[in-house]
Protein backbone atom coordinates (compact mmCIF):
# COMPACT_ATOMS: atom_id res chain seq x y z
CA MET A 1 -3.31 7.66 25.39
CA ALA A 2 0.12 6.96 26.88
CA TYR A 3 2.15 8.67 29.57
CA SER A 4 5.93 8.94 29.56
CA TYR A 5 8.74 10.13 31.80
CA ARG A 6 12.50 10.48 31.29
CA CYS A 7 14.60 10.43 34.44
CA LYS A 8 17.26 12.65 32.85
CA ASP A 9 14.74 15.51 32.67
CA TYR A 10 14.72 15.73 36.48
CA PRO A 11 17.32 18.23 37.78
CA GLY A 12 20.46 16.43 38.88
CA MET A 13 19.59 13.20 37.03
CA GLU A 14 20.95 14.20 33.61
CA ALA A 15 23.22 11.13 33.42
CA CYS A 16 20.37 8.64 33.97
CA PRO A 17 19.24 6.95 30.73
CA ALA A 18 15.97 5.54 32.10
CA SER A 19 12.68 6.38 30.48
CA PHE A 20 9.25 4.87 30.96
CA THR A 21 5.98 4.78 29.04
CA ALA A 22 2.74 3.39 30.40
CA GLU A 23 -0.93 3.25 29.55
CA SER A 24 -1.99 5.21 32.61
CA GLU A 25 -0.43 7.84 34.82
CA ALA A 26 -0.95 5.58 37.86
CA GLU A 27 1.05 2.78 36.20
CA LEU A 28 3.77 5.23 35.19
CA TRP A 29 4.12 6.42 38.80
CA LYS A 30 4.73 2.81 39.88
CA HIS A 31 7.59 2.56 37.37
CA ILE A 32 9.03 5.91 38.48
CA GLU A 33 8.89 4.96 42.15
CA LEU A 34 10.42 1.52 41.57
CA HIS A 35 13.18 3.07 39.47
CA GLY A 36 13.91 5.70 42.12
CA SER A 37 14.17 2.98 44.73
CA VAL A 38 16.29 0.48 42.77
CA ALA A 39 18.46 2.72 40.60
CA HIS A 40 18.90 5.73 42.87
CA GLN A 41 18.51 4.17 46.34
CA GLU A 42 15.74 6.63 47.15
CA GLU A 43 12.66 6.09 49.30
CA PRO A 44 9.69 7.24 47.20
CA ASP A 45 7.39 7.29 50.23
CA LYS A 46 9.64 10.03 51.62
CA TRP A 47 9.58 12.20 48.49
CA SER A 48 8.26 15.66 49.32
CA SER A 49 5.17 17.09 47.68
CA GLU A 50 7.53 19.46 45.82
CA ASP A 51 9.53 16.48 44.47
CA ARG A 52 6.33 14.78 43.33
CA GLN A 53 5.09 18.00 41.70
CA GLN A 54 8.41 18.35 39.87
CA ILE A 55 8.11 14.78 38.57
CA LYS A 56 4.47 15.33 37.59
CA SER A 57 5.47 18.41 35.59
CA LEU A 58 7.84 16.23 33.55
CA ILE A 59 5.25 13.56 32.66
CA ARG A 60 4.20 13.80 29.02
CA GLU A 61 0.95 12.64 27.46
CA SER A 62 0.91 11.26 23.95
């Protein structure tokens, strides 16, 4: 099974072309957090539980 996430699916990030696919959801979260930090100058450790739930709702299993 693989897990994927497209940044443009998150509200307000429609212009971002980044997408990630990983073998596990834990690995995918590492990619998402690194991307948020590097590309969007965010601090993932300060993301609210609502932000994390929104991201989780956009993760797809295949």
